[in-house]
Amino acid sequence: MLRWTIIFLIIAIIAGIFGFFGIAAGAASIAKVLFVIFLILFVGSLVMRNRNTV
């Protein structure tokens, strides 16, 4: 699951760069959505990791 969070983070950063420099108009909004998905998966992976160690 941590692998997916890193992949979503990289995609969000790339989409954000394209959106902020005007290359793609909708890329900034896509980056926001991907960043939220990244945060949800990251928190979920942290919770699952802690649950397995306890």
C-alpha atoms as a PDB file:
ATOM      1  CA  MET A   1       0.000   0.000   0.000  1.00  0.00           C
ATOM      2  CA  LEU A   2       2.920   2.324   0.676  1.00  0.00           C
ATOM      3  CA  ARG A   3       4.020   1.771  -2.916  1.00  0.00           C
ATOM      4  CA  TRP A   4       0.666   3.121  -4.183  1.00  0.00           C
ATOM      5  CA  THR A   5       0.926   6.194  -1.979  1.00  0.00           C
ATOM      6  CA  ILE A   6       4.324   7.025  -3.422  1.00  0.00           C
ATOM      7  CA  ILE A   7       3.032   6.507  -6.970  1.00  0.00           C
ATOM      8  CA  PHE A   8       0.047   8.811  -6.330  1.00  0.00           C
ATOM      9  CA  LEU A   9       2.355  11.417  -4.779  1.00  0.00           C
ATOM     10  CA  ILE A  10       4.640  11.441  -7.816  1.00  0.00           C
ATOM     11  CA  ILE A  11       1.687  11.667 -10.213  1.00  0.00           C
ATOM     12  CA  ALA A  12       0.195  14.511  -8.159  1.00  0.00           C
ATOM     13  CA  ILE A  13       3.463  16.445  -8.205  1.00  0.00           C
ATOM     14  CA  ILE A  14       3.865  16.009 -11.976  1.00  0.00           C
ATOM     15  CA  ALA A  15       0.244  16.999 -12.641  1.00  0.00           C
ATOM     16  CA  GLY A  16       0.654  20.005 -10.343  1.00  0.00           C
ATOM     17  CA  ILE A  17       3.755  21.185 -12.190  1.00  0.00           C
ATOM     18  CA  PHE A  18       1.949  20.928 -15.527  1.00  0.00           C
ATOM     19  CA  GLY A  19      -1.094  22.725 -14.172  1.00  0.00           C
ATOM     20  CA  PHE A  20       0.744  25.566 -12.478  1.00  0.00           C
ATOM     21  CA  PHE A  21       2.832  26.342 -15.553  1.00  0.00           C
ATOM     22  CA  GLY A  22      -0.200  26.347 -17.856  1.00  0.00           C
ATOM     23  CA  ILE A  23       0.692  23.253 -19.883  1.00  0.00           C
ATOM     24  CA  ALA A  24      -2.584  21.553 -18.993  1.00  0.00           C
ATOM     25  CA  ALA A  25      -5.544  23.525 -17.694  1.00  0.00           C
ATOM     26  CA  GLY A  26      -7.154  20.723 -15.710  1.00  0.00           C
ATOM     27  CA  ALA A  27      -3.947  19.267 -14.319  1.00  0.00           C
ATOM     28  CA  ALA A  28      -3.993  21.414 -11.178  1.00  0.00           C
ATOM     29  CA  SER A  29      -7.421  20.134 -10.151  1.00  0.00           C
ATOM     30  CA  ILE A  30      -6.341  16.577 -10.939  1.00  0.00           C
ATOM     31  CA  ALA A  31      -3.267  17.133  -8.775  1.00  0.00           C
ATOM     32  CA  LYS A  32      -5.460  18.212  -5.872  1.00  0.00           C
ATOM     33  CA  VAL A  33      -7.581  15.079  -6.168  1.00  0.00           C
ATOM     34  CA  LEU A  34      -4.531  12.828  -6.426  1.00  0.00           C
ATOM     35  CA  PHE A  35      -2.957  14.537  -3.436  1.00  0.00           C
ATOM     36  CA  VAL A  36      -6.062  13.831  -1.351  1.00  0.00           C
ATOM     37  CA  ILE A  37      -5.965  10.191  -2.466  1.00  0.00           C
ATOM     38  CA  PHE A  38      -2.293  10.093  -1.503  1.00  0.00           C
ATOM     39  CA  LEU A  39      -3.041  11.442   1.959  1.00  0.00           C
ATOM     40  CA  ILE A  40      -5.839   8.941   2.539  1.00  0.00           C
ATOM     41  CA  LEU A  41      -3.687   6.006   1.430  1.00  0.00           C
ATOM     42  CA  PHE A  42      -0.712   7.257   3.442  1.00  0.00           C
ATOM     43  CA  VAL A  43      -2.713   7.568   6.643  1.00  0.00           C
ATOM     44  CA  GLY A  44      -4.308   4.182   5.965  1.00  0.00           C
ATOM     45  CA  SER A  45      -0.921   2.546   5.499  1.00  0.00           C
ATOM     46  CA  LEU A  46       0.346   4.094   8.736  1.00  0.00           C
ATOM     47  CA  VAL A  47      -2.691   2.847  10.637  1.00  0.00           C
ATOM     48  CA  MET A  48      -2.383  -0.663   9.218  1.00  0.00           C
ATOM     49  CA  ARG A  49       1.347  -0.764   9.952  1.00  0.00           C
ATOM     50  CA  ASN A  50       0.759   0.252  13.575  1.00  0.00           C
ATOM     51  CA  ARG A  51      -2.118  -2.207  13.915  1.00  0.00           C
ATOM     52  CA  ASN A  52       0.122  -5.103  12.828  1.00  0.00           C
ATOM     53  CA  THR A  53       2.888  -4.269  15.281  1.00  0.00           C
ATOM     54  CA  VAL A  54       0.616  -4.005  18.341  1.00  0.00           C
END
